[in-house]
PDB file of N, CA and C in Angstrom:
ATOM      1  N   MET A   1      90.777  26.302   8.450  1.00  0.00           N
ATOM      2  CA  MET A   1      90.823  27.730   8.422  1.00  0.00           C
ATOM      3  C   MET A   1      92.227  28.209   8.790  1.00  0.00           C
ATOM      4  N   GLU A   2      92.838  27.550   9.761  1.00  0.00           N
ATOM      5  CA  GLU A   2      94.195  27.930  10.146  1.00  0.00           C
ATOM      6  C   GLU A   2      95.169  27.710   8.991  1.00  0.00           C
ATOM      7  N   LYS A   3      94.992  26.621   8.236  1.00  0.00           N
ATOM      8  CA  LYS A   3      95.863  26.359   7.090  1.00  0.00           C
ATOM      9  C   LYS A   3      95.668  27.405   5.993  1.00  0.00           C
ATOM     10  N   LEU A   4      94.412  27.794   5.744  1.00  0.00           N
ATOM     11  CA  LEU A   4      94.154  28.833   4.739  1.00  0.00           C
ATOM     12  C   LEU A   4      94.818  30.143   5.134  1.00  0.00           C
ATOM     13  N   LYS A   5      94.753  30.477   6.411  1.00  0.00           N
ATOM     14  CA  LYS A   5      95.387  31.698   6.912  1.00  0.00           C
ATOM     15  C   LYS A   5      96.896  31.604   6.777  1.00  0.00           C
ATOM     16  N   HIS A   6      97.452  30.482   7.211  1.00  0.00           N
ATOM     17  CA  HIS A   6      98.913  30.306   7.209  1.00  0.00           C
ATOM     18  C   HIS A   6      99.485  30.204   5.790  1.00  0.00           C
ATOM     19  N   LEU A   7      98.871  29.384   4.948  1.00  0.00           N
ATOM     20  CA  LEU A   7      99.428  29.132   3.613  1.00  0.00           C
ATOM     21  C   LEU A   7      99.112  30.223   2.591  1.00  0.00           C
ATOM     22  N   PHE A   8      97.928  30.831   2.700  1.00  0.00           N
ATOM     23  CA  PHE A   8      97.486  31.755   1.664  1.00  0.00           C
ATOM     24  C   PHE A   8      97.138  33.153   2.179  1.00  0.00           C
ATOM     25  N   SER A   9      97.358  33.415   3.455  1.00  0.00           N
ATOM     26  CA  SER A   9      97.064  34.717   4.074  1.00  0.00           C
ATOM     27  C   SER A   9      95.598  35.134   3.890  1.00  0.00           C
ATOM     28  N   ILE A  10      94.688  34.160   3.942  1.00  0.00           N
ATOM     29  CA  ILE A  10      93.258  34.443   3.797  1.00  0.00           C
ATOM     30  C   ILE A  10      92.689  34.823   5.159  1.00  0.00           C
ATOM     31  N   ASP A  11      92.131  36.033   5.229  1.00  0.00           N
ATOM     32  CA  ASP A  11      91.534  36.510   6.476  1.00  0.00           C
ATOM     33  C   ASP A  11      90.022  36.388   6.478  1.00  0.00           C
ATOM     34  N   ARG A  12      89.407  36.450   5.291  1.00  0.00           N
ATOM     35  CA  ARG A  12      87.948  36.382   5.175  1.00  0.00           C
ATOM     36  C   ARG A  12      87.593  35.328   4.150  1.00  0.00           C
ATOM     37  N   LEU A  13      86.482  34.648   4.392  1.00  0.00           N
ATOM     38  CA  LEU A  13      86.037  33.594   3.499  1.00  0.00           C
ATOM     39  C   LEU A  13      84.535  33.703   3.322  1.00  0.00           C
ATOM     40  N   LEU A  14      84.077  33.667   2.086  1.00  0.00           N
ATOM     41  CA  LEU A  14      82.646  33.657   1.795  1.00  0.00           C
ATOM     42  C   LEU A  14      82.205  32.199   1.760  1.00  0.00           C
ATOM     43  N   LEU A  15      81.297  31.852   2.631  1.00  0.00           N
ATOM     44  CA  LEU A  15      80.796  30.483   2.722  1.00  0.00           C
ATOM     45  C   LEU A  15      79.454  30.417   2.009  1.00  0.00           C
ATOM     46  N   GLU A  16      79.360  29.624   0.974  1.00  0.00           N
ATOM     47  CA  GLU A  16      78.117  29.444   0.223  1.00  0.00           C
ATOM     48  C   GLU A  16      77.737  27.973   0.220  1.00  0.00           C
ATOM     49  N   GLY A  17      77.687  27.409   1.382  1.00  0.00           N
ATOM     50  CA  GLY A  17      77.405  25.992   1.492  1.00  0.00           C
ATOM     51  C   GLY A  17      75.936  25.703   1.689  1.00  0.00           C
ATOM     52  N   GLY A  18      75.658  24.438   1.857  1.00  0.00           N
ATOM     53  CA  GLY A  18      74.320  24.007   2.213  1.00  0.00           C
ATOM     54  C   GLY A  18      74.193  23.969   3.725  1.00  0.00           C
ATOM     55  N   GLY A  19      73.072  23.452   4.203  1.00  0.00           N
ATOM     56  CA  GLY A  19      72.793  23.442   5.628  1.00  0.00           C
ATOM     57  C   GLY A  19      73.825  22.714   6.471  1.00  0.00           C
ATOM     58  N   VAL A  20      74.350  21.598   5.973  1.00  0.00           N
ATOM     59  CA  VAL A  20      75.318  20.826   6.755  1.00  0.00           C
ATOM     60  C   VAL A  20      76.645  21.574   6.858  1.00  0.00           C
ATOM     61  N   LEU A  21      77.145  22.092   5.737  1.00  0.00           N
ATOM     62  CA  LEU A  21      78.403  22.842   5.766  1.00  0.00           C
ATOM     63  C   LEU A  21      78.250  24.108   6.605  1.00  0.00           C
ATOM     64  N   ASN A  22      77.167  24.839   6.399  1.00  0.00           N
ATOM     65  CA  ASN A  22      76.922  26.041   7.186  1.00  0.00           C
ATOM     66  C   ASN A  22      76.825  25.711   8.671  1.00  0.00           C
ATOM     67  N   GLY A  23      76.116  24.626   9.002  1.00  0.00           N
ATOM     68  CA  GLY A  23      75.965  24.210  10.388  1.00  0.00           C
ATOM     69  C   GLY A  23      77.292  23.813  11.016  1.00  0.00           C
ATOM     70  N   THR A  24      78.154  23.171  10.238  1.00  0.00           N
ATOM     71  CA  THR A  24      79.469  22.769  10.734  1.00  0.00           C
ATOM     72  C   THR A  24      80.314  23.990  11.075  1.00  0.00           C
ATOM     73  N   PHE A  25      80.337  24.964  10.172  1.00  0.00           N
ATOM     74  CA  PHE A  25      81.096  26.190  10.431  1.00  0.00           C
ATOM     75  C   PHE A  25      80.506  26.949  11.625  1.00  0.00           C
ATOM     76  N   LEU A  26      79.193  26.999  11.718  1.00  0.00           N
ATOM     77  CA  LEU A  26      78.531  27.666  12.839  1.00  0.00           C
ATOM     78  C   LEU A  26      78.874  26.971  14.148  1.00  0.00           C
ATOM     79  N   ASN A  27      78.868  25.637  14.122  1.00  0.00           N
ATOM     80  CA  ASN A  27      79.176  24.835  15.304  1.00  0.00           C
ATOM     81  C   ASN A  27      80.589  25.096  15.813  1.00  0.00           C
ATOM     82  N   GLU A  28      81.489  25.427  14.912  1.00  0.00           N
ATOM     83  CA  GLU A  28      82.887  25.692  15.287  1.00  0.00           C
ATOM     84  C   GLU A  28      83.145  27.165  15.602  1.00  0.00           C
ATOM     85  N   GLY A  29      82.089  27.978  15.569  1.00  0.00           N
ATOM     86  CA  GLY A  29      82.245  29.403  15.879  1.00  0.00           C
ATOM     87  C   GLY A  29      82.949  30.188  14.791  1.00  0.00           C
ATOM     88  N   LEU A  30      82.855  29.722  13.547  1.00  0.00           N
ATOM     89  CA  LEU A  30      83.585  30.346  12.441  1.00  0.00           C
ATOM     90  C   LEU A  30      82.740  31.293  11.594  1.00  0.00           C
ATOM     91  N   ILE A  31      81.499  31.528  11.978  1.00  0.00           N
ATOM     92  CA  ILE A  31      80.656  32.455  11.233  1.00  0.00           C
ATOM     93  C   ILE A  31      80.444  33.702  12.077  1.00  0.00           C
ATOM     94  N   ASP A  32      80.873  34.850  11.535  1.00  0.00           N
ATOM     95  CA  ASP A  32      80.692  36.093  12.279  1.00  0.00           C
ATOM     96  C   ASP A  32      79.759  37.064  11.564  1.00  0.00           C
ATOM     97  N   GLU A  33      79.371  36.733  10.337  1.00  0.00           N
ATOM     98  CA  GLU A  33      78.410  37.548   9.597  1.00  0.00           C
ATOM     99  C   GLU A  33      77.437  36.633   8.870  1.00  0.00           C
ATOM    100  N   LEU A  34      76.221  37.108   8.681  1.00  0.00           N
ATOM    101  CA  LEU A  34      75.195  36.360   7.964  1.00  0.00           C
ATOM    102  C   LEU A  34      74.496  37.320   7.019  1.00  0.00           C
ATOM    103  N   SER A  35      74.445  36.956   5.749  1.00  0.00           N
ATOM    104  CA  SER A  35      73.818  37.775   4.728  1.00  0.00           C
ATOM    105  C   SER A  35      72.670  36.974   4.115  1.00  0.00           C
ATOM    106  N   LEU A  36      71.445  37.492   4.257  1.00  0.00           N
ATOM    107  CA  LEU A  36      70.260  36.800   3.743  1.00  0.00           C
ATOM    108  C   LEU A  36      69.520  37.692   2.757  1.00  0.00           C
ATOM    109  N   ILE A  37      69.076  37.108   1.670  1.00  0.00           N
ATOM    110  CA  ILE A  37      68.218  37.825   0.739  1.00  0.00           C
ATOM    111  C   ILE A  37      66.852  37.160   0.783  1.00  0.00           C
ATOM    112  N   ILE A  38      65.840  37.969   1.052  1.00  0.00           N
ATOM    113  CA  ILE A  38      64.465  37.483   1.070  1.00  0.00           C
ATOM    114  C   ILE A  38      63.802  37.970  -0.207  1.00  0.00           C
ATOM    115  N   ALA A  39      63.383  37.031  -1.033  1.00  0.00           N
ATOM    116  CA  ALA A  39      62.726  37.359  -2.303  1.00  0.00           C
ATOM    117  C   ALA A  39      61.228  37.099  -2.160  1.00  0.00           C
ATOM    118  N   PRO A  40      60.396  37.952  -2.753  1.00  0.00           N
ATOM    119  CA  PRO A  40      58.948  37.774  -2.647  1.00  0.00           C
ATOM    120  C   PRO A  40      58.436  36.687  -3.589  1.00  0.00           C
ATOM    121  N   ILE A  41      58.889  35.457  -3.322  1.00  0.00           N
ATOM    122  CA  ILE A  41      58.516  34.300  -4.147  1.00  0.00           C
ATOM    123  C   ILE A  41      58.163  33.151  -3.198  1.00  0.00           C
ATOM    124  N   ALA A  42      57.120  32.410  -3.490  1.00  0.00           N
ATOM    125  CA  ALA A  42      56.756  31.240  -2.684  1.00  0.00           C
ATOM    126  C   ALA A  42      56.488  30.069  -3.616  1.00  0.00           C
ATOM    127  N   ASP A  43      57.007  28.881  -3.246  1.00  0.00           N
ATOM    128  CA  ASP A  43      56.745  27.714  -4.090  1.00  0.00           C
ATOM    129  C   ASP A  43      55.939  26.639  -3.361  1.00  0.00           C
ATOM    130  N   GLY A  44      55.841  26.707  -2.049  1.00  0.00           N
ATOM    131  CA  GLY A  44      55.012  25.773  -1.301  1.00  0.00           C
ATOM    132  C   GLY A  44      55.527  24.355  -1.211  1.00  0.00           C
ATOM    133  N   SER A  45      56.775  24.109  -1.598  1.00  0.00           N
ATOM    134  CA  SER A  45      57.286  22.732  -1.542  1.00  0.00           C
ATOM    135  C   SER A  45      57.516  22.296  -0.099  1.00  0.00           C
ATOM    136  N   THR A  46      57.404  20.997   0.131  1.00  0.00           N
ATOM    137  CA  THR A  46      57.572  20.465   1.479  1.00  0.00           C
ATOM    138  C   THR A  46      58.992  19.978   1.737  1.00  0.00           C
ATOM    139  N   ASN A  47      59.846  20.000   0.743  1.00  0.00           N
ATOM    140  CA  ASN A  47      61.219  19.519   0.920  1.00  0.00           C
ATOM    141  C   ASN A  47      62.229  20.668   0.919  1.00  0.00           C
ATOM    142  N   SER A  48      61.853  21.785   1.502  1.00  0.00           N
ATOM    143  CA  SER A  48      62.732  22.945   1.559  1.00  0.00           C
ATOM    144  C   SER A  48      63.982  22.639   2.370  1.00  0.00           C
ATOM    145  N   LEU A  49      65.099  23.189   1.924  1.00  0.00           N
ATOM    146  CA  LEU A  49      66.363  23.014   2.625  1.00  0.00           C
ATOM    147  C   LEU A  49      66.480  24.027   3.751  1.00  0.00           C
ATOM    148  N   THR A  50      67.232  23.668   4.770  1.00  0.00           N
ATOM    149  CA  THR A  50      67.447  24.581   5.880  1.00  0.00           C
ATOM    150  C   THR A  50      68.760  25.330   5.675  1.00  0.00           C
ATOM    151  N   LEU A  51      68.877  26.459   6.333  1.00  0.00           N
ATOM    152  CA  LEU A  51      70.085  27.268   6.234  1.00  0.00           C
ATOM    153  C   LEU A  51      71.224  26.660   7.056  1.00  0.00           C
ATOM    154  N   PHE A  52      70.881  26.146   8.238  1.00  0.00           N
ATOM    155  CA  PHE A  52      71.857  25.504   9.121  1.00  0.00           C
ATOM    156  C   PHE A  52      71.286  24.173   9.583  1.00  0.00           C
ATOM    157  N   GLU A  53      72.099  23.116   9.472  1.00  0.00           N
ATOM    158  CA  GLU A  53      71.689  21.800   9.944  1.00  0.00           C
ATOM    159  C   GLU A  53      72.723  21.270  10.924  1.00  0.00           C
ATOM    160  N   THR A  54      72.243  20.523  11.897  1.00  0.00           N
ATOM    161  CA  THR A  54      73.145  19.887  12.852  1.00  0.00           C
ATOM    162  C   THR A  54      73.300  18.424  12.490  1.00  0.00           C
ATOM    163  N   SER A  55      74.256  17.809  13.103  1.00  0.00           N
ATOM    164  CA  SER A  55      74.513  16.389  12.869  1.00  0.00           C
ATOM    165  C   SER A  55      74.741  15.718  14.216  1.00  0.00           C
ATOM    166  N   PRO A  56      74.296  14.483  14.368  1.00  0.00           N
ATOM    167  CA  PRO A  56      74.560  13.780  15.626  1.00  0.00           C
ATOM    168  C   PRO A  56      76.049  13.535  15.844  1.00  0.00           C
ATOM    169  N   HIS A  57      76.860  13.691  14.798  1.00  0.00           N
ATOM    170  CA  HIS A  57      78.302  13.463  14.892  1.00  0.00           C
ATOM    171  C   HIS A  57      79.044  14.683  15.432  1.00  0.00           C
ATOM    172  N   LEU A  58      78.355  15.822  15.534  1.00  0.00           N
ATOM    173  CA  LEU A  58      78.989  17.041  16.010  1.00  0.00           C
ATOM    174  C   LEU A  58      78.624  17.290  17.465  1.00  0.00           C
ATOM    175  N   LYS A  59      79.486  18.026  18.154  1.00  0.00           N
ATOM    176  CA  LYS A  59      79.169  18.383  19.539  1.00  0.00           C
ATOM    177  C   LYS A  59      77.941  19.291  19.553  1.00  0.00           C
ATOM    178  N   LYS A  60      77.211  19.250  20.649  1.00  0.00           N
ATOM    179  CA  LYS A  60      75.999  20.059  20.801  1.00  0.00           C
ATOM    180  C   LYS A  60      76.386  21.530  20.873  1.00  0.00           C
ATOM    181  N   GLN A  61      75.839  22.318  19.980  1.00  0.00           N
ATOM    182  CA  GLN A  61      76.135  23.744  19.914  1.00  0.00           C
ATOM    183  C   GLN A  61      74.965  24.545  20.474  1.00  0.00           C
ATOM    184  N   SER A  62      75.274  25.546  21.249  1.00  0.00           N
ATOM    185  CA  SER A  62      74.246  26.460  21.733  1.00  0.00           C
ATOM    186  C   SER A  62      73.777  27.326  20.571  1.00  0.00           C
ATOM    187  N   PRO A  63      72.553  27.807  20.631  1.00  0.00           N
ATOM    188  CA  PRO A  63      72.069  28.701  19.576  1.00  0.00           C
ATOM    189  C   PRO A  63      72.969  29.930  19.448  1.00  0.00           C
ATOM    190  N   VAL A  64      73.119  30.414  18.240  1.00  0.00           N
ATOM    191  CA  VAL A  64      73.934  31.598  17.964  1.00  0.00           C
ATOM    192  C   VAL A  64      73.004  32.768  17.675  1.00  0.00           C
ATOM    193  N   ASN A  65      73.200  33.849  18.399  1.00  0.00           N
ATOM    194  CA  ASN A  65      72.409  35.055  18.164  1.00  0.00           C
ATOM    195  C   ASN A  65      73.081  35.928  17.116  1.00  0.00           C
ATOM    196  N   PHE A  66      72.302  36.344  16.141  1.00  0.00           N
ATOM    197  CA  PHE A  66      72.772  37.303  15.145  1.00  0.00           C
ATOM    198  C   PHE A  66      72.050  38.618  15.388  1.00  0.00           C
ATOM    199  N   PHE A  67      72.751  39.721  15.172  1.00  0.00           N
ATOM    200  CA  PHE A  67      72.197  41.042  15.397  1.00  0.00           C
ATOM    201  C   PHE A  67      72.126  41.796  14.080  1.00  0.00           C
ATOM    202  N   LEU A  68      70.986  42.409  13.805  1.00  0.00           N
ATOM    203  CA  LEU A  68      70.768  43.110  12.555  1.00  0.00           C
ATOM    204  C   LEU A  68      71.721  44.287  12.419  1.00  0.00           C
ATOM    205  N   LYS A  69      72.461  44.296  11.315  1.00  0.00           N
ATOM    206  CA  LYS A  69      73.438  45.347  11.042  1.00  0.00           C
ATOM    207  C   LYS A  69      72.908  46.326   9.998  1.00  0.00           C
ATOM    208  N   GLU A  70      72.222  45.776   8.969  1.00  0.00           N
ATOM    209  CA  GLU A  70      71.807  46.621   7.848  1.00  0.00           C
ATOM    210  C   GLU A  70      70.671  45.951   7.078  1.00  0.00           C
ATOM    211  N   ILE A  71      69.788  46.758   6.536  1.00  0.00           N
ATOM    212  CA  ILE A  71      68.723  46.282   5.643  1.00  0.00           C
ATOM    213  C   ILE A  71      68.797  47.097   4.368  1.00  0.00           C
ATOM    214  N   GLU A  72      68.746  46.401   3.236  1.00  0.00           N
ATOM    215  CA  GLU A  72      68.739  47.080   1.944  1.00  0.00           C
ATOM    216  C   GLU A  72      67.539  46.579   1.135  1.00  0.00           C
ATOM    217  N   LYS A  73      66.735  47.503   0.644  1.00  0.00           N
ATOM    218  CA  LYS A  73      65.605  47.136  -0.201  1.00  0.00           C
ATOM    219  C   LYS A  73      66.117  46.940  -1.626  1.00  0.00           C
ATOM    220  N   LEU A  74      65.757  45.809  -2.238  1.00  0.00           N
ATOM    221  CA  LEU A  74      66.204  45.484  -3.588  1.00  0.00           C
ATOM    222  C   LEU A  74      65.156  45.910  -4.611  1.00  0.00           C
ATOM    223  N   ASP A  75      65.581  46.091  -5.855  1.00  0.00           N
ATOM    224  CA  ASP A  75      64.703  46.576  -6.914  1.00  0.00           C
ATOM    225  C   ASP A  75      63.504  45.672  -7.176  1.00  0.00           C
ATOM    226  N   ASP A  76      63.661  44.367  -6.973  1.00  0.00           N
ATOM    227  CA  ASP A  76      62.569  43.427  -7.272  1.00  0.00           C
ATOM    228  C   ASP A  76      61.605  43.237  -6.106  1.00  0.00           C
ATOM    229  N   GLY A  77      61.731  44.070  -5.067  1.00  0.00           N
ATOM    230  CA  GLY A  77      60.860  43.946  -3.901  1.00  0.00           C
ATOM    231  C   GLY A  77      61.440  43.086  -2.799  1.00  0.00           C
ATOM    232  N   GLY A  78      62.619  42.547  -3.031  1.00  0.00           N
ATOM    233  CA  GLY A  78      63.264  41.726  -2.014  1.00  0.00           C
ATOM    234  C   GLY A  78      63.979  42.578  -0.982  1.00  0.00           C
ATOM    235  N   LEU A  79      64.462  41.910   0.045  1.00  0.00           N
ATOM    236  CA  LEU A  79      65.229  42.562   1.099  1.00  0.00           C
ATOM    237  C   LEU A  79      66.556  41.840   1.282  1.00  0.00           C
ATOM    238  N   TRP A  80      67.603  42.610   1.492  1.00  0.00           N
ATOM    239  CA  TRP A  80      68.915  42.054   1.795  1.00  0.00           C
ATOM    240  C   TRP A  80      69.188  42.379   3.257  1.00  0.00           C
ATOM    241  N   LEU A  81      69.197  41.358   4.096  1.00  0.00           N
ATOM    242  CA  LEU A  81      69.401  41.516   5.523  1.00  0.00           C
ATOM    243  C   LEU A  81      70.823  41.111   5.874  1.00  0.00           C
ATOM    244  N   LYS A  82      71.518  41.984   6.572  1.00  0.00           N
ATOM    245  CA  LYS A  82      72.903  41.711   6.963  1.00  0.00           C
ATOM    246  C   LYS A  82      72.975  41.684   8.482  1.00  0.00           C
ATOM    247  N   TYR A  83      73.521  40.598   8.997  1.00  0.00           N
ATOM    248  CA  TYR A  83      73.609  40.382  10.443  1.00  0.00           C
ATOM    249  C   TYR A  83      75.065  40.150  10.839  1.00  0.00           C
ATOM    250  N   VAL A  84      75.368  40.402  12.098  1.00  0.00           N
ATOM    251  CA  VAL A  84      76.668  40.066  12.672  1.00  0.00           C
ATOM    252  C   VAL A  84      76.427  39.321  13.972  1.00  0.00           C
ATOM    253  N   THR A  85      77.428  38.577  14.399  1.00  0.00           N
ATOM    254  CA  THR A  85      77.349  37.926  15.697  1.00  0.00           C
ATOM    255  C   THR A  85      77.891  38.874  16.754  1.00  0.00           C
ATOM    256  N   LYS A  86      77.744  38.495  17.989  1.00  0.00           N
ATOM    257  CA  LYS A  86      78.243  39.304  19.099  1.00  0.00           C
ATOM    258  C   LYS A  86      79.758  39.453  19.036  1.00  0.00           C
ATOM    259  N   ASN A  87      80.435  38.453  18.450  1.00  0.00           N
ATOM    260  CA  ASN A  87      81.893  38.450  18.385  1.00  0.00           C
ATOM    261  C   ASN A  87      82.457  39.489  17.427  1.00  0.00           C
ATOM    262  N   LYS A  88      81.664  39.920  16.474  1.00  0.00           N
ATOM    263  CA  LYS A  88      82.152  40.812  15.409  1.00  0.00           C
ATOM    264  C   LYS A  88      82.288  42.220  15.904  1.00  0.00           C
TER     265      LYS A  88
END
């Protein structure tokens, strides 16, 4: 992140990773906003992916509290939930 800031003047980054990448960024304190879309669809599969995953190779991270910033109702019946961390 420091290299992206220094070399390319990037101040904000949209992270669209899987659970491991998201968990790694969360573990390093690099996530200050969380945007979730809840769609009224259910598939019942047992192999669902998680939003954040930890790894035994990473230091133990305390849970991160997100605070609701905004809710937007979508045309298809879904909800767009926007959260921020205490740091934001």
